[in-house]
Amino acid sequence: MKGLLGIYDINPDGIIIEIEWAKFLVGSSLFIPCLNTREAVIQFRKISKQKGYEITYRVRIENGRYGVRIWRDV
């Protein structure tokens, strides 16, 4: 349902970001543009732990946007 935070969605800056978890395979990465990178990582790590995923992350600027890149390790 639009406008509601789903169980596997994140919202580090108050805007809901729907992650396509089925496409987040081992070795893949995604970039989450946001200002509150700390909260993005906290939320993403919580969901990753529930799913049994191990991740690596780096705060970065990509294409002029500030955010966090997250890689799935296992």
PDB file of N, CA and C in Angstrom:
ATOM      1  N   MET A   1       0.844  -1.178   0.000  1.00  0.00           N
ATOM      2  CA  MET A   1       0.000   0.000   0.000  1.00  0.00           C
ATOM      3  C   MET A   1       0.889   1.240   0.000  1.00  0.00           C
ATOM      4  N   LYS A   2       0.628   2.161  -0.885  1.00  0.00           N
ATOM      5  CA  LYS A   2       1.418   3.384  -1.005  1.00  0.00           C
ATOM      6  C   LYS A   2       1.262   4.243   0.244  1.00  0.00           C
ATOM      7  N   GLY A   3       2.371   4.876   0.655  1.00  0.00           N
ATOM      8  CA  GLY A   3       2.330   5.795   1.779  1.00  0.00           C
ATOM      9  C   GLY A   3       2.566   5.159   3.131  1.00  0.00           C
ATOM     10  N   LEU A   4       2.585   3.849   3.209  1.00  0.00           N
ATOM     11  CA  LEU A   4       2.824   3.162   4.474  1.00  0.00           C
ATOM     12  C   LEU A   4       4.159   2.439   4.425  1.00  0.00           C
ATOM     13  N   LEU A   5       4.890   2.514   5.514  1.00  0.00           N
ATOM     14  CA  LEU A   5       6.183   1.851   5.603  1.00  0.00           C
ATOM     15  C   LEU A   5       5.970   0.353   5.748  1.00  0.00           C
ATOM     16  N   GLY A   6       6.462  -0.400   4.761  1.00  0.00           N
ATOM     17  CA  GLY A   6       6.353  -1.854   4.812  1.00  0.00           C
ATOM     18  C   GLY A   6       7.407  -2.437   5.741  1.00  0.00           C
ATOM     19  N   ILE A   7       7.258  -3.692   6.081  1.00  0.00           N
ATOM     20  CA  ILE A   7       8.156  -4.348   7.026  1.00  0.00           C
ATOM     21  C   ILE A   7       9.603  -4.369   6.528  1.00  0.00           C
ATOM     22  N   TYR A   8       9.824  -4.396   5.218  1.00  0.00           N
ATOM     23  CA  TYR A   8      11.177  -4.432   4.663  1.00  0.00           C
ATOM     24  C   TYR A   8      11.535  -3.166   3.891  1.00  0.00           C
ATOM     25  N   ASP A   9      10.853  -2.068   4.170  1.00  0.00           N
ATOM     26  CA  ASP A   9      11.178  -0.776   3.580  1.00  0.00           C
ATOM     27  C   ASP A   9      12.018   0.030   4.576  1.00  0.00           C
ATOM     28  N   ILE A  10      12.711   1.035   4.073  1.00  0.00           N
ATOM     29  CA  ILE A  10      13.449   1.931   4.951  1.00  0.00           C
ATOM     30  C   ILE A  10      13.003   3.370   4.691  1.00  0.00           C
ATOM     31  N   ASN A  11      13.265   4.258   5.649  1.00  0.00           N
ATOM     32  CA  ASN A  11      12.892   5.667   5.499  1.00  0.00           C
ATOM     33  C   ASN A  11      13.838   6.570   6.297  1.00  0.00           C
ATOM     34  N   PRO A  12      15.108   6.587   5.928  1.00  0.00           N
ATOM     35  CA  PRO A  12      16.087   7.332   6.730  1.00  0.00           C
ATOM     36  C   PRO A  12      15.839   8.839   6.788  1.00  0.00           C
ATOM     37  N   ASP A  13      15.275   9.425   5.769  1.00  0.00           N
ATOM     38  CA  ASP A  13      14.994  10.865   5.753  1.00  0.00           C
ATOM     39  C   ASP A  13      13.493  11.152   5.823  1.00  0.00           C
ATOM     40  N   GLY A  14      12.712  10.140   6.173  1.00  0.00           N
ATOM     41  CA  GLY A  14      11.266  10.312   6.241  1.00  0.00           C
ATOM     42  C   GLY A  14      10.551  10.002   4.941  1.00  0.00           C
ATOM     43  N   ILE A  15      11.298   9.635   3.908  1.00  0.00           N
ATOM     44  CA  ILE A  15      10.726   9.258   2.615  1.00  0.00           C
ATOM     45  C   ILE A  15      10.903   7.748   2.457  1.00  0.00           C
ATOM     46  N   ILE A  16       9.829   7.053   2.173  1.00  0.00           N
ATOM     47  CA  ILE A  16       9.877   5.592   2.084  1.00  0.00           C
ATOM     48  C   ILE A  16      10.656   5.154   0.854  1.00  0.00           C
ATOM     49  N   ILE A  17      11.601   4.237   1.074  1.00  0.00           N
ATOM     50  CA  ILE A  17      12.382   3.633  -0.003  1.00  0.00           C
ATOM     51  C   ILE A  17      12.083   2.139   0.006  1.00  0.00           C
ATOM     52  N   GLU A  18      11.500   1.663  -1.080  1.00  0.00           N
ATOM     53  CA  GLU A  18      11.189   0.241  -1.206  1.00  0.00           C
ATOM     54  C   GLU A  18      12.378  -0.467  -1.833  1.00  0.00           C
ATOM     55  N   ILE A  19      12.932  -1.429  -1.131  1.00  0.00           N
ATOM     56  CA  ILE A  19      14.072  -2.198  -1.619  1.00  0.00           C
ATOM     57  C   ILE A  19      13.550  -3.463  -2.301  1.00  0.00           C
ATOM     58  N   GLU A  20      14.062  -3.740  -3.483  1.00  0.00           N
ATOM     59  CA  GLU A  20      13.704  -4.986  -4.170  1.00  0.00           C
ATOM     60  C   GLU A  20      14.636  -6.084  -3.661  1.00  0.00           C
ATOM     61  N   TRP A  21      14.285  -6.659  -2.532  1.00  0.00           N
ATOM     62  CA  TRP A  21      15.144  -7.633  -1.860  1.00  0.00           C
ATOM     63  C   TRP A  21      15.419  -8.867  -2.709  1.00  0.00           C
ATOM     64  N   ALA A  22      14.489  -9.265  -3.552  1.00  0.00           N
ATOM     65  CA  ALA A  22      14.695 -10.444  -4.405  1.00  0.00           C
ATOM     66  C   ALA A  22      15.831 -10.221  -5.398  1.00  0.00           C
ATOM     67  N   LYS A  23      16.117  -8.974  -5.729  1.00  0.00           N
ATOM     68  CA  LYS A  23      17.199  -8.649  -6.662  1.00  0.00           C
ATOM     69  C   LYS A  23      18.513  -8.333  -5.951  1.00  0.00           C
ATOM     70  N   PHE A  24      18.494  -8.289  -4.622  1.00  0.00           N
ATOM     71  CA  PHE A  24      19.693  -7.962  -3.852  1.00  0.00           C
ATOM     72  C   PHE A  24      20.454  -9.265  -3.567  1.00  0.00           C
ATOM     73  N   LEU A  25      21.148  -9.740  -4.594  1.00  0.00           N
ATOM     74  CA  LEU A  25      21.853 -11.020  -4.542  1.00  0.00           C
ATOM     75  C   LEU A  25      23.270 -10.848  -4.003  1.00  0.00           C
ATOM     76  N   VAL A  26      23.884 -11.955  -3.611  1.00  0.00           N
ATOM     77  CA  VAL A  26      25.268 -11.930  -3.147  1.00  0.00           C
ATOM     78  C   VAL A  26      26.147 -11.310  -4.232  1.00  0.00           C
ATOM     79  N   GLY A  27      26.955 -10.332  -3.853  1.00  0.00           N
ATOM     80  CA  GLY A  27      27.847  -9.658  -4.788  1.00  0.00           C
ATOM     81  C   GLY A  27      27.248  -8.403  -5.410  1.00  0.00           C
ATOM     82  N   SER A  28      25.956  -8.196  -5.224  1.00  0.00           N
ATOM     83  CA  SER A  28      25.332  -6.999  -5.789  1.00  0.00           C
ATOM     84  C   SER A  28      25.398  -5.846  -4.792  1.00  0.00           C
ATOM     85  N   SER A  29      25.094  -4.658  -5.286  1.00  0.00           N
ATOM     86  CA  SER A  29      25.080  -3.488  -4.415  1.00  0.00           C
ATOM     87  C   SER A  29      23.967  -2.560  -4.830  1.00  0.00           C
ATOM     88  N   LEU A  30      23.636  -1.645  -3.945  1.00  0.00           N
ATOM     89  CA  LEU A  30      22.663  -0.612  -4.267  1.00  0.00           C
ATOM     90  C   LEU A  30      23.062   0.678  -3.569  1.00  0.00           C
ATOM     91  N   PHE A  31      22.655   1.788  -4.161  1.00  0.00           N
ATOM     92  CA  PHE A  31      22.953   3.102  -3.613  1.00  0.00           C
ATOM     93  C   PHE A  31      21.661   3.707  -3.090  1.00  0.00           C
ATOM     94  N   ILE A  32      21.700   4.152  -1.858  1.00  0.00           N
ATOM     95  CA  ILE A  32      20.549   4.797  -1.243  1.00  0.00           C
ATOM     96  C   ILE A  32      20.877   6.267  -1.066  1.00  0.00           C
ATOM     97  N   PRO A  33      20.290   7.139  -1.890  1.00  0.00           N
ATOM     98  CA  PRO A  33      20.548   8.568  -1.725  1.00  0.00           C
ATOM     99  C   PRO A  33      19.798   9.082  -0.496  1.00  0.00           C
ATOM    100  N   CYS A  34      20.528   9.672   0.440  1.00  0.00           N
ATOM    101  CA  CYS A  34      19.907  10.188   1.662  1.00  0.00           C
ATOM    102  C   CYS A  34      20.891  11.087   2.393  1.00  0.00           C
ATOM    103  N   LEU A  35      20.381  11.932   3.253  1.00  0.00           N
ATOM    104  CA  LEU A  35      21.227  12.765   4.096  1.00  0.00           C
ATOM    105  C   LEU A  35      21.567  12.059   5.396  1.00  0.00           C
ATOM    106  N   ASN A  36      20.596  11.341   5.955  1.00  0.00           N
ATOM    107  CA  ASN A  36      20.792  10.654   7.226  1.00  0.00           C
ATOM    108  C   ASN A  36      21.342   9.247   6.964  1.00  0.00           C
ATOM    109  N   THR A  37      22.607   9.196   6.588  1.00  0.00           N
ATOM    110  CA  THR A  37      23.222   7.917   6.226  1.00  0.00           C
ATOM    111  C   THR A  37      23.306   6.983   7.429  1.00  0.00           C
ATOM    112  N   ARG A  38      23.494   7.539   8.599  1.00  0.00           N
ATOM    113  CA  ARG A  38      23.564   6.703   9.812  1.00  0.00           C
ATOM    114  C   ARG A  38      22.258   5.931   9.996  1.00  0.00           C
ATOM    115  N   GLU A  39      21.130   6.620   9.872  1.00  0.00           N
ATOM    116  CA  GLU A  39      19.830   5.968  10.029  1.00  0.00           C
ATOM    117  C   GLU A  39      19.577   4.966   8.904  1.00  0.00           C
ATOM    118  N   ALA A  40      20.012   5.284   7.694  1.00  0.00           N
ATOM    119  CA  ALA A  40      19.859   4.347   6.578  1.00  0.00           C
ATOM    120  C   ALA A  40      20.586   3.044   6.882  1.00  0.00           C
ATOM    121  N   VAL A  41      21.804   3.149   7.386  1.00  0.00           N
ATOM    122  CA  VAL A  41      22.588   1.955   7.702  1.00  0.00           C
ATOM    123  C   VAL A  41      21.942   1.179   8.848  1.00  0.00           C
ATOM    124  N   ILE A  42      21.479   1.876   9.882  1.00  0.00           N
ATOM    125  CA  ILE A  42      20.821   1.201  11.011  1.00  0.00           C
ATOM    126  C   ILE A  42      19.611   0.415  10.526  1.00  0.00           C
ATOM    127  N   GLN A  43      18.757   1.060   9.734  1.00  0.00           N
ATOM    128  CA  GLN A  43      17.556   0.391   9.234  1.00  0.00           C
ATOM    129  C   GLN A  43      17.904  -0.771   8.310  1.00  0.00           C
ATOM    130  N   PHE A  44      18.861  -0.558   7.413  1.00  0.00           N
ATOM    131  CA  PHE A  44      19.243  -1.597   6.464  1.00  0.00           C
ATOM    132  C   PHE A  44      19.872  -2.787   7.186  1.00  0.00           C
ATOM    133  N   ARG A  45      20.724  -2.518   8.173  1.00  0.00           N
ATOM    134  CA  ARG A  45      21.359  -3.610   8.932  1.00  0.00           C
ATOM    135  C   ARG A  45      20.329  -4.435   9.691  1.00  0.00           C
ATOM    136  N   LYS A  46      19.309  -3.779  10.242  1.00  0.00           N
ATOM    137  CA  LYS A  46      18.262  -4.491  10.984  1.00  0.00           C
ATOM    138  C   LYS A  46      17.531  -5.479  10.071  1.00  0.00           C
ATOM    139  N   ILE A  47      17.145  -5.013   8.878  1.00  0.00           N
ATOM    140  CA  ILE A  47      16.437  -5.880   7.940  1.00  0.00           C
ATOM    141  C   ILE A  47      17.366  -6.980   7.425  1.00  0.00           C
ATOM    142  N   SER A  48      18.609  -6.627   7.123  1.00  0.00           N
ATOM    143  CA  SER A  48      19.578  -7.614   6.639  1.00  0.00           C
ATOM    144  C   SER A  48      19.789  -8.724   7.658  1.00  0.00           C
ATOM    145  N   LYS A  49      19.844  -8.360   8.922  1.00  0.00           N
ATOM    146  CA  LYS A  49      20.018  -9.361   9.981  1.00  0.00           C
ATOM    147  C   LYS A  49      18.819 -10.307  10.020  1.00  0.00           C
ATOM    148  N   GLN A  50      17.608  -9.760   9.881  1.00  0.00           N
ATOM    149  CA  GLN A  50      16.401 -10.586   9.864  1.00  0.00           C
ATOM    150  C   GLN A  50      16.423 -11.560   8.696  1.00  0.00           C
ATOM    151  N   LYS A  51      16.974 -11.127   7.564  1.00  0.00           N
ATOM    152  CA  LYS A  51      17.025 -11.961   6.366  1.00  0.00           C
ATOM    153  C   LYS A  51      18.251 -12.872   6.339  1.00  0.00           C
ATOM    154  N   GLY A  52      19.182 -12.697   7.277  1.00  0.00           N
ATOM    155  CA  GLY A  52      20.387 -13.519   7.311  1.00  0.00           C
ATOM    156  C   GLY A  52      21.456 -13.062   6.338  1.00  0.00           C
ATOM    157  N   TYR A  53      21.412 -11.802   5.911  1.00  0.00           N
ATOM    158  CA  TYR A  53      22.387 -11.255   4.968  1.00  0.00           C
ATOM    159  C   TYR A  53      23.522 -10.585   5.734  1.00  0.00           C
ATOM    160  N   GLU A  54      24.719 -10.676   5.175  1.00  0.00           N
ATOM    161  CA  GLU A  54      25.849  -9.892   5.669  1.00  0.00           C
ATOM    162  C   GLU A  54      26.118  -8.806   4.642  1.00  0.00           C
ATOM    163  N   ILE A  55      26.377  -7.599   5.137  1.00  0.00           N
ATOM    164  CA  ILE A  55      26.554  -6.469   4.232  1.00  0.00           C
ATOM    165  C   ILE A  55      27.813  -5.683   4.569  1.00  0.00           C
ATOM    166  N   THR A  56      28.257  -4.926   3.591  1.00  0.00           N
ATOM    167  CA  THR A  56      29.325  -3.939   3.732  1.00  0.00           C
ATOM    168  C   THR A  56      28.750  -2.637   3.207  1.00  0.00           C
ATOM    169  N   TYR A  57      29.120  -1.522   3.811  1.00  0.00           N
ATOM    170  CA  TYR A  57      28.581  -0.248   3.343  1.00  0.00           C
ATOM    171  C   TYR A  57      29.649   0.838   3.382  1.00  0.00           C
ATOM    172  N   ARG A  58      29.447   1.853   2.558  1.00  0.00           N
ATOM    173  CA  ARG A  58      30.316   3.027   2.516  1.00  0.00           C
ATOM    174  C   ARG A  58      29.457   4.253   2.249  1.00  0.00           C
ATOM    175  N   VAL A  59      29.675   5.302   3.012  1.00  0.00           N
ATOM    176  CA  VAL A  59      29.034   6.582   2.751  1.00  0.00           C
ATOM    177  C   VAL A  59      29.791   7.222   1.599  1.00  0.00           C
ATOM    178  N   ARG A  60      29.048   7.704   0.590  1.00  0.00           N
ATOM    179  CA  ARG A  60      29.683   8.182  -0.638  1.00  0.00           C
ATOM    180  C   ARG A  60      28.874   9.295  -1.281  1.00  0.00           C
ATOM    181  N   ILE A  61      29.497   9.925  -2.241  1.00  0.00           N
ATOM    182  CA  ILE A  61      28.811  10.837  -3.150  1.00  0.00           C
ATOM    183  C   ILE A  61      28.907  10.196  -4.526  1.00  0.00           C
ATOM    184  N   GLU A  62      27.749   9.923  -5.123  1.00  0.00           N
ATOM    185  CA  GLU A  62      27.702   9.312  -6.452  1.00  0.00           C
ATOM    186  C   GLU A  62      26.802  10.155  -7.346  1.00  0.00           C
ATOM    187  N   ASN A  63      27.308  10.507  -8.512  1.00  0.00           N
ATOM    188  CA  ASN A  63      26.561  11.333  -9.462  1.00  0.00           C
ATOM    189  C   ASN A  63      26.008  12.592  -8.789  1.00  0.00           C
ATOM    190  N   GLY A  64      26.807  13.169  -7.901  1.00  0.00           N
ATOM    191  CA  GLY A  64      26.420  14.398  -7.227  1.00  0.00           C
ATOM    192  C   GLY A  64      25.430  14.223  -6.086  1.00  0.00           C
ATOM    193  N   ARG A  65      25.129  12.991  -5.727  1.00  0.00           N
ATOM    194  CA  ARG A  65      24.184  12.717  -4.634  1.00  0.00           C
ATOM    195  C   ARG A  65      24.898  12.079  -3.455  1.00  0.00           C
ATOM    196  N   TYR A  66      24.572  12.562  -2.265  1.00  0.00           N
ATOM    197  CA  TYR A  66      25.123  12.030  -1.019  1.00  0.00           C
ATOM    198  C   TYR A  66      24.259  10.863  -0.578  1.00  0.00           C
ATOM    199  N   GLY A  67      24.880   9.807  -0.088  1.00  0.00           N
ATOM    200  CA  GLY A  67      24.124   8.653   0.366  1.00  0.00           C
ATOM    201  C   GLY A  67      25.037   7.536   0.810  1.00  0.00           C
ATOM    202  N   VAL A  68      24.515   6.330   0.778  1.00  0.00           N
ATOM    203  CA  VAL A  68      25.276   5.159   1.219  1.00  0.00           C
ATOM    204  C   VAL A  68      25.138   4.048   0.180  1.00  0.00           C
ATOM    205  N   ARG A  69      26.280   3.435  -0.183  1.00  0.00           N
ATOM    206  CA  ARG A  69      26.284   2.269  -1.059  1.00  0.00           C
ATOM    207  C   ARG A  69      26.409   1.052  -0.164  1.00  0.00           C
ATOM    208  N   ILE A  70      25.565   0.059  -0.422  1.00  0.00           N
ATOM    209  CA  ILE A  70      25.527  -1.160   0.384  1.00  0.00           C
ATOM    210  C   ILE A  70      25.738  -2.354  -0.536  1.00  0.00           C
ATOM    211  N   TRP A  71      26.671  -3.222  -0.140  1.00  0.00           N
ATOM    212  CA  TRP A  71      26.959  -4.454  -0.875  1.00  0.00           C
ATOM    213  C   TRP A  71      26.478  -5.640  -0.058  1.00  0.00           C
ATOM    214  N   ARG A  72      25.954  -6.647  -0.726  1.00  0.00           N
ATOM    215  CA  ARG A  72      25.570  -7.888  -0.042  1.00  0.00           C
ATOM    216  C   ARG A  72      26.739  -8.858  -0.149  1.00  0.00           C
ATOM    217  N   ASP A  73      27.255  -9.256   1.002  1.00  0.00           N
ATOM    218  CA  ASP A  73      28.380 -10.185   1.055  1.00  0.00           C
ATOM    219  C   ASP A  73      27.914 -11.642   1.078  1.00  0.00           C
ATOM    220  N   VAL A  74      26.960 -11.955   1.925  1.00  0.00           N
ATOM    221  CA  VAL A  74      26.463 -13.329   2.044  1.00  0.00           C
ATOM    222  C   VAL A  74      24.967 -13.287   2.299  1.00  0.00           C
TER     223      VAL A  74
END
